Structures are given as structure tokens and as C-alpha cells.
Protein backbone atom coordinates (compact mmCIF):
# COMPACT_ATOMS: atom_id res chain seq x y z
CA MET A 1 -31.12 -77.38 48.53
CA ASN A 2 -32.35 -75.16 51.28
CA ASN A 3 -30.14 -74.41 54.15
CA PRO A 4 -31.09 -76.09 57.42
CA SER A 5 -32.58 -74.10 60.08
CA PRO A 6 -30.06 -72.59 62.60
CA ILE A 7 -29.87 -74.74 65.78
CA PRO A 8 -30.95 -72.54 68.79
CA ASP A 9 -28.13 -71.49 71.07
CA PHE A 10 -29.70 -72.50 74.35
CA ALA A 11 -26.61 -71.84 76.40
CA ALA A 12 -26.43 -68.10 75.11
CA GLU A 13 -30.17 -67.78 75.78
CA TRP A 14 -29.85 -69.06 79.33
CA ASN A 15 -26.77 -66.91 80.09
CA THR A 16 -28.83 -63.82 78.80
CA SER A 17 -31.77 -64.79 81.14
CA ARG A 18 -29.50 -65.04 84.06
CA ALA A 19 -27.93 -61.63 83.35
CA LEU A 20 -31.23 -59.99 82.81
CA TYR A 21 -33.07 -61.55 85.73
CA PRO A 22 -31.68 -59.13 88.40
CA VAL A 23 -32.84 -56.18 86.14
CA TYR A 24 -36.37 -57.34 85.93
CA LEU A 25 -36.32 -57.76 89.70
CA ALA A 26 -35.17 -54.20 90.27
CA LEU A 27 -37.67 -52.86 87.78
CA ALA A 28 -40.67 -54.87 89.47
CA LYS A 29 -39.54 -53.53 92.75
CA GLU A 30 -39.29 -50.02 91.69
CA PHE A 31 -42.73 -49.99 90.30
CA VAL A 32 -44.18 -52.33 92.93
CA ILE A 33 -45.19 -55.05 90.22
CA GLU A 34 -46.38 -58.28 91.79
CA PHE A 35 -44.66 -61.25 90.64
CA THR A 36 -43.61 -64.68 91.60
CA PRO A 37 -39.73 -65.29 91.64
CA CYS A 38 -38.35 -67.63 89.01
CA THR A 39 -36.88 -70.50 90.98
CA GLU A 40 -35.13 -71.81 87.98
CA LEU A 41 -33.03 -68.77 87.47
CA GLU A 42 -32.56 -68.27 91.23
CA SER A 43 -31.26 -71.88 91.56
CA GLY A 44 -27.99 -71.07 89.95
CA ILE A 45 -28.07 -73.87 87.50
CA GLU A 46 -25.20 -73.55 84.90
CA THR A 47 -26.59 -75.83 82.19
CA PRO A 48 -30.39 -76.10 82.26
CA GLU A 49 -32.69 -78.86 80.91
CA GLN A 50 -34.98 -77.85 78.06
CA GLU A 51 -37.99 -77.59 80.52
CA THR A 52 -35.97 -75.36 82.79
CA LEU A 53 -35.23 -72.97 79.93
CA GLU A 54 -38.87 -73.15 78.88
CA LEU A 55 -39.98 -72.10 82.43
CA ALA A 56 -37.72 -69.26 82.34
CA ARG A 57 -39.12 -68.03 78.97
CA ARG A 58 -42.60 -68.18 80.45
CA TRP A 59 -41.48 -65.93 83.50
CA PHE A 60 -39.94 -63.36 81.19
CA ALA A 61 -43.02 -63.37 78.95
CA GLN A 62 -45.34 -62.77 82.04
CA MET A 63 -43.09 -60.15 83.25
CA ASP A 64 -43.06 -58.32 79.91
CA GLU A 65 -46.82 -58.30 79.93
CA ARG A 66 -46.93 -56.58 83.34
CA ILE A 67 -44.07 -54.18 82.69
CA GLN A 68 -45.48 -50.98 80.70
CA VAL A 69 -43.45 -49.14 78.21
CA HIS A 70 -43.30 -45.90 80.16
CA GLN A 71 -42.12 -47.85 83.29
CA LEU A 72 -39.15 -49.54 81.14
CA ARG A 73 -38.37 -46.09 79.75
CA GLN A 74 -38.23 -44.37 83.04
CA PHE A 75 -36.23 -47.11 84.83
CA LEU A 76 -33.53 -47.22 82.04
CA GLN A 77 -33.00 -43.57 82.26
CA THR A 78 -32.77 -43.53 85.79
CA THR A 79 -30.97 -46.92 87.05
CA THR A 80 -27.31 -47.59 87.17
CA LEU A 81 -27.84 -51.36 86.86
CA VAL A 82 -28.16 -51.28 83.05
CA ASP A 83 -24.92 -50.76 81.18
CA ASP A 84 -24.40 -51.08 77.18
CA GLU A 85 -24.16 -54.78 77.41
CA ALA A 86 -27.40 -55.24 79.47
CA LEU A 87 -29.12 -52.92 77.04
CA ARG A 88 -27.96 -55.08 74.26
CA LEU A 89 -29.28 -58.25 75.95
CA LEU A 90 -32.57 -56.49 76.61
CA LEU A 91 -32.91 -55.87 72.92
CA VAL A 92 -31.99 -59.49 72.16
CA GLN A 93 -34.52 -60.83 74.57
CA HIS A 94 -37.31 -58.88 73.08
CA LEU A 95 -36.13 -59.50 69.56
CA ARG A 96 -35.90 -63.13 69.81
CA LYS A 97 -39.64 -63.50 70.55
CA PRO A 98 -41.63 -65.70 68.02
CA ALA A 99 -44.41 -62.90 67.97
CA HIS A 100 -44.67 -59.36 69.08
CA THR A 101 -47.31 -57.35 70.64
CA ASP A 102 -47.77 -53.58 70.17
CA SER A 103 -46.10 -53.06 73.70
CA ASP A 104 -43.06 -55.11 72.43
CA ARG A 105 -42.84 -53.13 69.42
CA ASP A 106 -42.84 -49.79 71.45
CA LYS A 107 -40.19 -51.37 73.92
CA ILE A 108 -38.00 -52.35 71.05
CA ASP A 109 -38.36 -48.81 69.51
CA PHE A 110 -37.31 -47.10 72.74
CA LEU A 111 -34.53 -49.67 73.28
CA LEU A 112 -32.97 -49.21 69.83
CA VAL A 113 -32.96 -45.48 70.44
CA GLN A 114 -31.17 -46.01 73.70
CA PHE A 115 -28.75 -48.37 72.49
CA PHE A 116 -27.94 -46.03 69.46
CA SER A 117 -27.58 -43.07 71.78
CA HIS A 118 -25.24 -45.00 74.09
CA SER A 119 -22.99 -46.15 71.07
CA ALA A 120 -22.92 -42.86 69.22
CA PRO A 121 -20.28 -40.25 69.96
CA SER A 122 -20.95 -37.20 71.73
CA ARG A 123 -21.78 -34.04 69.82
CA LEU A 124 -22.90 -36.04 66.84
CA GLU A 125 -24.13 -33.64 64.24
CA ASP A 126 -27.64 -34.27 62.88
CA ALA A 127 -26.33 -34.24 59.44
CA ASP A 128 -24.13 -37.29 60.30
CA VAL A 129 -27.04 -39.46 61.64
CA ASP A 130 -27.81 -41.04 58.02
CA LEU A 131 -29.23 -44.56 57.53
CA PRO A 132 -25.74 -46.20 56.94
CA TYR A 133 -24.37 -44.65 60.12
CA VAL A 134 -27.40 -45.66 62.09
CA SER A 135 -27.27 -49.37 60.65
CA GLN A 136 -23.49 -49.55 61.52
CA MET A 137 -24.09 -48.45 65.22
CA LEU A 138 -27.10 -51.12 65.47
CA GLU A 139 -25.19 -53.85 64.00
CA PRO A 140 -24.30 -55.59 67.42
CA VAL A 141 -28.15 -56.13 67.72
CA LEU A 142 -29.61 -56.24 64.21
CA GLY A 143 -26.70 -57.76 62.29
CA THR A 144 -25.61 -56.22 58.94
CA VAL A 145 -28.46 -54.30 57.20
CA THR A 146 -27.74 -53.78 53.47
CA GLU A 147 -31.20 -53.59 52.07
CA GLU A 148 -32.53 -50.69 50.19
CA VAL A 149 -34.76 -48.41 52.00
CA PRO A 150 -38.30 -49.31 50.71
CA ASP A 151 -40.61 -46.47 49.63
CA TRP A 152 -43.07 -46.95 52.29
CA ILE A 153 -40.56 -45.80 55.04
CA ARG A 154 -39.61 -42.56 53.17
CA PRO A 155 -42.54 -40.57 54.80
CA LEU A 156 -40.32 -40.45 57.87
CA ASP A 157 -37.81 -37.99 56.22
CA GLU A 158 -40.67 -35.48 55.60
CA LEU A 159 -41.71 -35.71 59.17
CA ILE A 160 -38.13 -34.96 60.38
CA LEU A 161 -37.73 -32.10 58.03
CA GLN A 162 -41.04 -30.58 59.15
CA ALA A 163 -40.03 -30.98 62.82
CA SER A 164 -36.53 -29.39 62.16
CA GLU A 165 -38.50 -26.36 60.79
CA CYS A 166 -40.49 -25.71 63.95
CA SER A 167 -39.49 -22.64 65.89
CA SER A 168 -41.20 -23.38 69.28
CA LEU A 169 -42.22 -26.28 71.25
CA ASN A 170 -45.80 -25.02 70.69
CA GLU A 171 -45.45 -25.21 67.10
CA LEU A 172 -44.07 -28.76 67.19
CA LEU A 173 -46.88 -29.93 69.44
CA THR A 174 -49.60 -28.14 67.49
CA SER A 175 -48.38 -29.69 64.36
CA LYS A 176 -49.08 -33.14 65.59
CA LEU A 177 -45.80 -34.41 64.21
CA LEU A 178 -44.95 -36.72 67.09
CA VAL A 179 -48.52 -38.11 66.98
CA LYS A 180 -48.17 -38.74 63.33
CA GLY A 181 -44.82 -40.49 63.81
CA ARG A 182 -46.30 -42.66 66.48
CA GLN A 183 -49.38 -43.54 64.20
CA PHE A 184 -47.26 -44.23 61.01
CA LYS A 185 -45.16 -46.76 63.40
CA ALA A 186 -48.30 -48.44 64.60
CA SER A 187 -49.57 -48.82 61.08
CA CYS A 188 -46.67 -50.61 59.92
CA GLY A 189 -47.65 -53.79 61.73
CA GLU A 190 -45.01 -56.77 61.30
CA LYS A 191 -43.17 -54.70 58.64
CA TYR A 192 -41.73 -52.68 61.61
CA PHE A 193 -39.68 -55.61 62.44
CA GLU A 194 -37.65 -55.83 59.20
CA PRO A 195 -34.26 -54.76 60.00
CA VAL A 196 -34.07 -51.84 57.64
CA ALA A 197 -37.36 -50.54 58.87
CA MET A 198 -36.00 -50.63 62.63
CA VAL A 199 -32.90 -48.75 61.55
CA ALA A 200 -34.98 -46.20 59.97
CA PHE A 201 -37.38 -45.78 62.84
CA THR A 202 -34.43 -45.49 65.27
CA ARG A 203 -33.08 -42.69 63.14
CA PHE A 204 -36.42 -40.98 63.15
CA SER A 205 -36.88 -41.28 66.78
CA PHE A 206 -33.48 -40.05 67.71
CA LEU A 207 -33.60 -37.01 65.37
CA MET A 208 -37.26 -36.34 66.70
CA ARG A 209 -36.16 -36.42 70.33
CA ARG A 210 -33.34 -33.96 69.51
CA VAL A 211 -35.85 -31.52 68.01
CA PHE A 212 -38.04 -31.74 70.93
CA PHE A 213 -35.36 -31.19 73.65
CA ARG A 214 -33.90 -28.39 71.77
CA LEU A 215 -37.20 -26.68 71.63
CA MET A 216 -37.97 -27.40 75.19
CA HIS A 217 -34.72 -26.18 76.30
CA GLN A 218 -35.44 -22.86 74.21
CA ASP A 219 -38.79 -22.47 75.86
CA LEU A 220 -37.46 -23.01 79.56
CA ASN A 221 -34.78 -20.62 78.96
CA THR A 222 -37.25 -18.12 77.40
CA ILE A 223 -39.40 -18.63 80.56
CA LEU A 224 -36.57 -18.20 83.10
CA ASP A 225 -35.35 -14.93 81.38
CA GLY A 226 -38.81 -13.67 81.35
CA LEU A 227 -39.29 -14.39 85.10
CA ARG A 228 -36.03 -12.79 85.89
CA GLU A 229 -37.01 -9.69 83.85
CA LEU A 230 -40.36 -9.55 85.57
CA GLU A 231 -38.76 -9.65 89.03
CA SER A 232 -36.56 -6.78 88.02
CA ARG A 233 -39.64 -4.79 87.15
CA GLY A 234 -40.93 -5.52 90.64
CA VAL A 235 -43.32 -8.24 89.67
CA THR A 236 -43.68 -10.93 92.44
CA THR A 237 -46.92 -12.61 91.46
CA LEU A 238 -48.57 -13.61 88.02
CA ASP A 239 -52.02 -14.57 87.05
CA CYS A 240 -51.35 -18.03 85.78
CA ARG A 241 -54.64 -19.49 85.38
CA LYS A 242 -54.23 -20.02 81.74
CA ALA A 243 -51.41 -22.39 82.59
CA GLN A 244 -53.45 -24.20 85.15
CA PHE A 245 -51.69 -22.36 88.17
CA SER A 246 -53.19 -19.71 90.65
CA ALA A 247 -54.25 -16.40 89.90
CA GLU A 248 -51.48 -15.10 92.29
CA GLU A 249 -48.62 -17.50 91.53
CA PRO A 250 -45.22 -16.39 93.05
CA VAL A 251 -42.59 -15.82 90.54
CA ALA A 252 -40.04 -17.60 92.76
CA ARG A 253 -42.23 -20.68 92.92
CA LEU A 254 -42.44 -20.68 89.10
CA ARG A 255 -38.71 -20.70 88.78
CA MET A 256 -38.61 -23.79 90.91
CA ILE A 257 -41.40 -25.49 88.84
CA CYS A 258 -39.33 -24.80 85.70
CA GLN A 259 -36.47 -26.46 87.28
CA SER A 260 -38.42 -29.64 88.07
CA TRP A 261 -39.77 -29.73 84.61
CA LYS A 262 -36.31 -29.64 83.27
CA VAL A 263 -35.75 -33.00 84.92
CA MET A 264 -38.88 -34.46 84.36
CA PHE A 265 -39.09 -33.67 80.63
CA HIS A 266 -35.80 -35.41 80.23
CA ALA A 267 -37.19 -38.75 81.32
CA GLU A 268 -40.12 -38.74 78.64
CA TYR A 269 -41.97 -36.45 76.30
CA SER A 270 -45.26 -36.57 74.78
CA SER A 271 -48.02 -33.89 74.10
CA GLY A 272 -49.65 -34.42 77.61
CA GLN A 273 -50.57 -31.98 80.37
CA PRO A 274 -47.32 -30.89 81.59
CA LEU A 275 -46.03 -29.72 78.15
CA SER A 276 -49.22 -27.84 77.57
CA MET A 277 -48.56 -26.18 80.81
CA LEU A 278 -45.10 -25.23 79.80
CA VAL A 279 -46.38 -23.79 76.45
CA ASP A 280 -49.15 -21.82 78.24
CA LEU A 281 -46.81 -20.51 80.83
CA ARG A 282 -44.44 -19.19 78.32
CA SER A 283 -47.56 -17.35 76.59
CA VAL A 284 -48.45 -15.94 80.09
CA ILE A 285 -44.93 -14.60 80.76
CA THR A 286 -44.68 -13.03 77.24
CA ALA A 287 -48.02 -11.22 77.86
CA ALA A 288 -46.93 -10.09 81.28
CA LEU A 289 -43.69 -8.57 79.78
CA ALA A 290 -45.53 -6.81 77.12
CA LYS A 291 -47.97 -5.27 79.93
CA THR A 292 -45.27 -3.99 82.36
CA THR A 293 -42.52 -1.40 81.79
CA LYS A 294 -38.75 -1.38 82.65
CA PRO A 295 -38.01 0.16 85.86
CA ASP A 296 -36.39 3.64 85.91
CA GLY A 297 -33.27 4.28 88.05
CA ALA A 298 -35.25 5.60 91.11
CA GLY A 299 -37.87 2.73 90.99
CA ALA A 300 -35.15 0.20 90.78
CA ARG A 301 -33.36 1.69 93.77
CA ALA A 302 -36.60 1.62 95.64
CA ARG A 303 -37.26 -2.17 94.83
CA ALA A 304 -33.67 -2.93 96.03
CA ALA A 305 -34.32 -1.15 99.24
CA ALA A 306 -37.57 -3.14 99.57
CA ALA A 307 -35.82 -6.35 98.74
CA ASN A 308 -33.56 -5.58 101.52
CA THR A 309 -36.36 -5.63 103.97
CA GLY A 310 -37.83 -8.83 102.36
CA THR A 311 -41.00 -7.29 101.04
CA VAL A 312 -40.17 -7.94 97.45
CA HIS A 313 -38.57 -11.10 96.11
CA PRO A 314 -34.94 -10.67 95.02
CA GLY A 315 -34.31 -10.61 91.23
CA ALA A 316 -31.89 -13.19 89.53
CA PRO A 317 -32.46 -16.73 90.17
CA GLU A 318 -29.79 -19.08 91.56
CA PHE A 319 -29.91 -21.66 88.64
CA GLU A 320 -29.64 -21.84 84.93
CA VAL A 321 -30.77 -24.09 82.33
CA SER A 322 -27.37 -24.91 80.85
CA LYS A 323 -26.97 -25.64 77.41
CA PRO A 324 -27.24 -29.32 76.72
CA GLU A 325 -25.23 -31.60 74.67
CA TRP A 326 -27.42 -33.46 72.07
CA ASN A 327 -25.50 -36.71 71.92
CA SER A 328 -28.54 -38.80 72.80
CA GLY A 329 -32.25 -39.16 72.86
CA THR A 330 -32.06 -37.49 76.35
CA ALA A 331 -30.51 -34.03 76.79
CA THR A 332 -27.53 -34.43 78.85
CA GLU A 333 -26.68 -31.37 80.82
CA ASN A 334 -23.05 -30.05 80.92
CA SER A 335 -23.35 -29.93 84.80
CA THR A 336 -25.55 -33.20 85.01
CA PRO A 337 -24.49 -36.72 84.23
CA GLN A 338 -26.77 -38.48 81.79
CA ASN A 339 -33.79 -39.37 76.57
CA ASP A 340 -39.38 -42.19 72.92
CA GLY A 341 -37.98 -41.97 70.66
CA THR A 342 -41.85 -41.32 69.82
CA SER A 343 -42.74 -44.31 71.62
């Protein structure tokens, strides 16, 4: 005899909806998303009728259609409203849908990586992020996953290996490995929602993020070191047209831009324009260093005297890009409190 279908837990679903309602309201407010409040959820009803629950479901479905993946990503990485339990409930809310769109898949993919990142210990070594460990961390949302990994998922391991061998952000971006990962995920269709597949994609996205942020951190440090060295050689402006800046871009301003990039790239990564500018700026600075010479003693003293009169920018910058702890999909600075998968 077949086992009977499980009885829906309407009370648990209603409690989840009530807990997530303020989160959705805050997200809509932050991104100026037009919506009509859900009177059923605002009424304070403890035990809803079936019709009331259905109206709440429709409200969340409409909001999910309006909320874009990048908005959810940015909101969750900057808000203080969402703790680990709220993150779990968001996953439950999206996973329980009877049918999933591409947007739902990308949101689930991001939420799984965030949930894993929050659950995993700090300073987790890459070698420890194997499938059994990821499965264990995701058990509160996916249940126990014991299936063998199907062959069709195994190409993810090759992409991870190739990414780990990249020596610069430019090499990672030009390899198109991030794009290939997104394309592979999109090609899976409904197979993506098999628990073992979601475990494999969570591991893939988590490790790919780590590679990305390591290389980004490396490039930013190389740029900042190069700018300091150029200032010590008396260089105050650079021709940065290749990186889409001006022909006489102040070195001091470039330092400030790099600092803002450090914050921005922690919220999201892709192969878009800002990252191309970062890669090109490193190339510009490398070329400038090759064209200039290190100052001799007399030249350095003259520049120091000029700096005291305000005619030349001073040398060392006031900030550093500190070494991050790779405990999550988002790089967490030692000095900064806490980031697409390949979504």
C-alpha cells in the first residue's frame, strides 16, 4: 500500500508567513517596490481559515514576482532584520512552492549559500567543504540527503578545480568559469531542485565565491601597493582612460575608489563593468610602475619638502585592505563586521 500524502501543516505555514511579513515589508521599502499590504497578515489572526491562508500565499507569490534576485541578495547582506532562523524560513517559503521559476531557483541558490555560510564555522578550510559536510549543514532546510551524487553534477568539480588554479581576477573572468557555472545551473531545469543537486550547487557556489574574493582582495592590494609606490616616486596623476577614468586621474582619488570597491564587491560579484575597471586599473598601474624609476635620496627629499607645501600629494594612504577571513560567501574583514554564489 502506498503511504498517504502528508497532511499540510497549515499552522506552521501561517507562523512562517507572519514571521516573514515584516522582512518583505522592509525589503519593499528599501527598493521602493509598490505593493498592497496583506490585510490578513496584518490582522493578527492566530488561527486562520483556509481562505485566509490562501490569500497570504497569493500575496507572497505576487511579492516574489516583483522582488529581483539582486535586490534580495543586497538586502540580506546589509540588513540586521534577518537572523539565521529568518534565513531558514525564507528557504522554506521558497522551497515549498509547487512550481519554481528561474528567479525562484536563483533566489534559492543564493539563500542556500547564505544559510551554509552562516552555519559553517569561521576559518573553514576549503578541503573540509565536501559534499557530506555541506549536506549536514543544510539538513535543517533540505532534510537528510543520502543519495549518491549523479554523474551529471560532477562537471562542477572540474569548474572548481579550474577556478582554484587562476592566479588573478582577470584570469578568472576571462576564463568564463563563473558564466559557465551559471549556464550549467540554468540548464538543469527541475533537476536542480533534487536535494543532492542543491547540496552540490551550494558547495560549488560557496567555493567559487571564495576564489573570487581571494583574487579580488589580491588585486586590490596590488593596486593600493602600486599607488603608494607611485606616490613615493612623485607621481600624483595617472592616465586611466583604459580603465574608464580620466587622462589625469589623481592618485589619491584612485585610492578612495578602491576602498569603495572593496565594500561594493562584497555585496555581489559578476563579470560586469566595475570588475572590468578593477582589472584594467591594475594593468594601468603595473604599466606606470614599469615606466617610472624609484627616487634617489635627493629626489625623495625634494618631494618631501614639496609635500610640506601642499604641491604634491603625500605618500602612504591611511587605510589598508586587511586580510579577510574566508568563513562565508562574503569576505569578512577582520576590522569590519560581516557574500552568488554564482547567482
